[in-house]
């Protein structure tokens, strides 16, 4: 799916303002992770005072992977896949299919300068991830479009056979040989 992840140059609900240039340089630092399919996000931010945990994305908490990013005006946009085999990926998929509003929130490290009515986030911005959340700090940081992946076939396995979404049924041994081929 495609989602807005962050809005540049606007005060968010945490009273912080991220410039477009700052977000751009922060995202450039994670380009290599995106290319390696390693830019994972979690279902909700970790709530802890443990600083190491705050800057670590745990595999067992992961729900999605950000595979592309770009701009739509001042909105940072991402192309995101849910992780279909992780518990939190299944939960996130279920929320989306149930039409629950899913938002996104930046988890990052940076210094801030108090400007009175807001805090200006300063360079360098070290982006950890964008977590899926129920209350994003930017109201526009939500899913915009769900993409259909027609190449994916949904499988259901029982003890004696495997049923596919295309209506075909395979015996498990035959299915395994097809996979190996």
Protein backbone atom coordinates (compact mmCIF):
# COMPACT_ATOMS: atom_id res chain seq x y z
CA UNK A 1 0.00 0.00 0.00
CA UNK A 2 0.97 3.63 -0.25
CA UNK A 3 0.86 5.90 2.76
CA UNK A 4 1.87 9.37 3.74
CA UNK A 5 4.50 8.96 6.44
CA UNK A 6 5.26 12.52 7.48
CA UNK A 7 4.41 16.10 6.62
CA UNK A 8 7.28 18.55 6.15
CA UNK A 9 7.26 22.15 7.37
CA UNK A 10 4.11 21.71 9.51
CA UNK A 11 3.82 21.63 13.29
CA UNK A 12 2.72 18.16 14.38
CA UNK A 13 0.73 17.16 17.47
CA UNK A 14 4.03 16.84 19.38
CA UNK A 15 4.74 20.53 18.59
CA UNK A 16 7.67 19.57 16.33
CA UNK A 17 8.47 20.86 12.85
CA UNK A 18 10.58 18.82 10.42
CA UNK A 19 11.87 20.68 7.36
CA UNK A 20 11.67 18.97 3.99
CA UNK A 21 15.45 19.20 3.64
CA UNK A 22 15.91 17.54 7.04
CA UNK A 23 13.53 14.68 6.19
CA UNK A 24 15.17 14.26 2.79
CA UNK A 25 18.66 13.92 4.29
CA UNK A 26 17.35 11.59 7.01
CA UNK A 27 15.70 9.32 4.45
CA UNK A 28 18.83 9.30 2.26
CA UNK A 29 20.66 7.79 5.25
CA UNK A 30 18.30 4.78 5.19
CA UNK A 31 18.31 4.26 1.41
CA UNK A 32 20.69 1.31 1.74
CA UNK A 33 18.37 -0.37 4.26
CA UNK A 34 15.47 0.14 1.86
CA UNK A 35 17.43 -1.38 -1.03
CA UNK A 36 18.30 -4.43 1.13
CA UNK A 37 14.64 -4.85 2.25
CA UNK A 38 15.71 -4.16 5.81
CA UNK A 39 13.75 -0.98 6.64
CA UNK A 40 11.20 -2.60 8.93
CA UNK A 41 8.58 -0.92 11.08
CA UNK A 42 6.73 -2.08 14.16
CA UNK A 43 3.09 -2.24 15.15
CA UNK A 44 3.01 0.71 17.60
CA UNK A 45 6.00 2.52 19.06
CA UNK A 46 7.81 0.67 21.83
CA UNK A 47 6.82 2.23 25.15
CA UNK A 48 9.89 2.03 27.31
CA UNK A 49 12.56 4.14 28.97
CA UNK A 50 15.20 1.74 27.62
CA UNK A 51 17.14 3.90 25.16
CA UNK A 52 18.60 0.93 23.29
CA UNK A 53 15.09 -0.46 22.70
CA UNK A 54 13.86 2.92 21.46
CA UNK A 55 16.45 2.90 18.66
CA UNK A 56 16.10 -0.80 17.78
CA UNK A 57 13.52 -2.32 15.48
CA UNK A 58 12.88 -5.85 16.74
CA UNK A 59 12.09 -8.59 14.26
CA UNK A 60 9.48 -10.10 16.57
CA UNK A 61 7.64 -6.76 16.78
CA UNK A 62 7.85 -5.98 13.03
CA UNK A 63 4.64 -5.56 11.07
CA UNK A 64 5.70 -3.97 7.79
CA UNK A 65 8.57 -3.07 5.50
CA UNK A 66 9.03 0.22 3.68
CA UNK A 67 10.25 -0.54 0.17
CA UNK A 68 10.15 2.90 -1.50
CA UNK A 69 9.84 6.55 -0.56
CA UNK A 70 9.35 9.87 -2.30
CA UNK A 71 7.53 13.18 -2.11
CA UNK A 72 4.02 14.35 -2.89
CA UNK A 73 4.45 18.08 -2.35
CA UNK A 74 5.42 18.42 1.33
CA UNK A 75 4.18 14.93 2.17
CA UNK A 76 6.75 12.16 2.55
CA UNK A 77 5.17 9.13 0.89
CA UNK A 78 6.10 5.48 1.30
CA UNK A 79 5.31 2.23 -0.45
CA UNK A 80 4.84 -0.36 2.27
CA UNK A 81 4.28 -4.11 2.43
CA UNK A 82 2.81 -5.89 5.42
CA UNK A 83 4.79 -8.87 6.67
CA UNK A 84 2.36 -11.74 6.01
CA UNK A 85 4.12 -14.34 8.16
CA UNK A 86 4.82 -12.28 11.29
CA UNK A 87 2.18 -12.05 14.03
CA UNK A 88 2.19 -8.24 13.93
CA UNK A 89 2.13 -8.25 10.13
CA UNK A 90 -1.01 -10.40 10.25
CA UNK A 91 -2.53 -7.99 12.77
CA UNK A 92 -1.70 -4.98 10.61
CA UNK A 93 -3.15 -6.71 7.54
CA UNK A 94 -6.31 -7.50 9.50
CA UNK A 95 -6.67 -3.89 10.64
CA UNK A 96 -6.32 -2.69 7.05
CA UNK A 97 -8.78 -5.25 5.69
CA UNK A 98 -11.23 -4.31 8.46
CA UNK A 99 -10.94 -0.68 7.27
CA UNK A 100 -9.47 0.52 10.56
CA UNK A 101 -7.59 3.80 10.08
CA UNK A 102 -3.87 3.03 10.31
CA UNK A 103 -1.41 5.86 10.77
CA UNK A 104 2.35 6.14 10.71
CA UNK A 105 4.75 7.84 13.06
CA UNK A 106 8.44 8.61 12.74
CA UNK A 107 10.85 7.10 15.25
CA UNK A 108 14.11 9.03 15.01
CA UNK A 109 16.89 10.79 16.90
CA UNK A 110 17.69 14.50 16.56
CA UNK A 111 18.29 17.62 18.58
CA UNK A 112 15.51 20.21 18.77
CA UNK A 113 15.52 23.97 19.18
CA UNK A 114 12.69 25.51 21.18
CA UNK A 115 11.01 28.21 19.11
CA UNK A 116 8.28 29.07 21.64
CA UNK A 117 5.12 27.62 20.11
CA UNK A 118 6.98 24.71 18.49
CA UNK A 119 10.30 22.85 18.41
CA UNK A 120 12.40 22.91 15.25
CA UNK A 121 14.01 19.50 14.63
CA UNK A 122 17.69 19.96 13.75
CA UNK A 123 20.10 18.17 11.45
CA UNK A 124 21.25 15.43 11.58
CA UNK A 125 18.04 13.40 11.69
CA UNK A 126 18.75 9.73 12.34
CA UNK A 127 15.67 7.89 11.11
CA UNK A 128 15.04 4.62 12.95
CA UNK A 129 11.74 3.73 11.25
CA UNK A 130 8.13 4.66 10.72
CA UNK A 131 5.90 2.61 13.02
CA UNK A 132 2.23 1.90 12.33
CA UNK A 133 0.15 3.64 15.01
CA UNK A 134 -3.45 4.46 15.83
CA UNK A 135 -2.78 8.17 16.53
CA UNK A 136 -0.16 9.61 14.17
CA UNK A 137 1.45 12.92 15.13
CA UNK A 138 0.69 14.18 11.60
CA UNK A 139 -3.01 13.82 10.77
CA UNK A 140 -2.20 13.13 7.09
CA UNK A 141 0.21 10.26 7.93
CA UNK A 142 -2.22 7.53 6.89
CA UNK A 143 -2.76 4.93 4.17
CA UNK A 144 -3.70 6.53 0.87
CA UNK A 145 -4.00 3.60 -1.54
CA UNK A 146 -4.05 -0.15 -1.25
CA UNK A 147 -2.33 -1.91 -4.11
CA UNK A 148 -3.57 -5.28 -5.32
CA UNK A 149 -0.89 -7.89 -5.80
CA UNK A 150 -2.47 -10.25 -8.33
CA UNK A 151 0.62 -12.45 -8.46
CA UNK A 152 0.07 -13.57 -4.89
CA UNK A 153 -2.00 -16.70 -4.36
CA UNK A 154 -3.47 -17.30 -0.94
CA UNK A 155 -2.88 -20.81 0.36
CA UNK A 156 -4.77 -22.69 3.03
CA UNK A 157 -3.29 -25.94 4.20
CA UNK A 158 -5.14 -28.75 5.91
CA UNK A 159 -3.74 -32.08 7.07
CA UNK A 160 -4.42 -33.82 3.74
CA UNK A 161 -4.54 -31.10 1.06
CA UNK A 162 -3.66 -27.54 0.16
CA UNK A 163 -6.36 -25.20 -1.16
CA UNK A 164 -5.40 -22.18 -3.23
CA UNK A 165 -7.43 -19.06 -3.92
CA UNK A 166 -7.59 -20.02 -7.59
CA UNK A 167 -9.74 -23.04 -6.69
CA UNK A 168 -7.09 -25.66 -7.33
CA UNK A 169 -6.36 -28.31 -4.76
CA UNK A 170 -3.03 -30.11 -4.37
CA UNK A 171 -1.90 -33.00 -2.26
CA UNK A 172 0.90 -31.77 0.06
CA UNK A 173 3.63 -33.95 -1.49
CA UNK A 174 2.72 -32.85 -5.02
CA UNK A 175 2.58 -29.21 -3.91
CA UNK A 176 6.05 -29.49 -2.32
CA UNK A 177 7.45 -30.87 -5.60
CA UNK A 178 5.88 -27.94 -7.48
CA UNK A 179 7.53 -25.50 -5.06
CA UNK A 180 10.91 -27.19 -5.52
CA UNK A 181 10.58 -26.91 -9.32
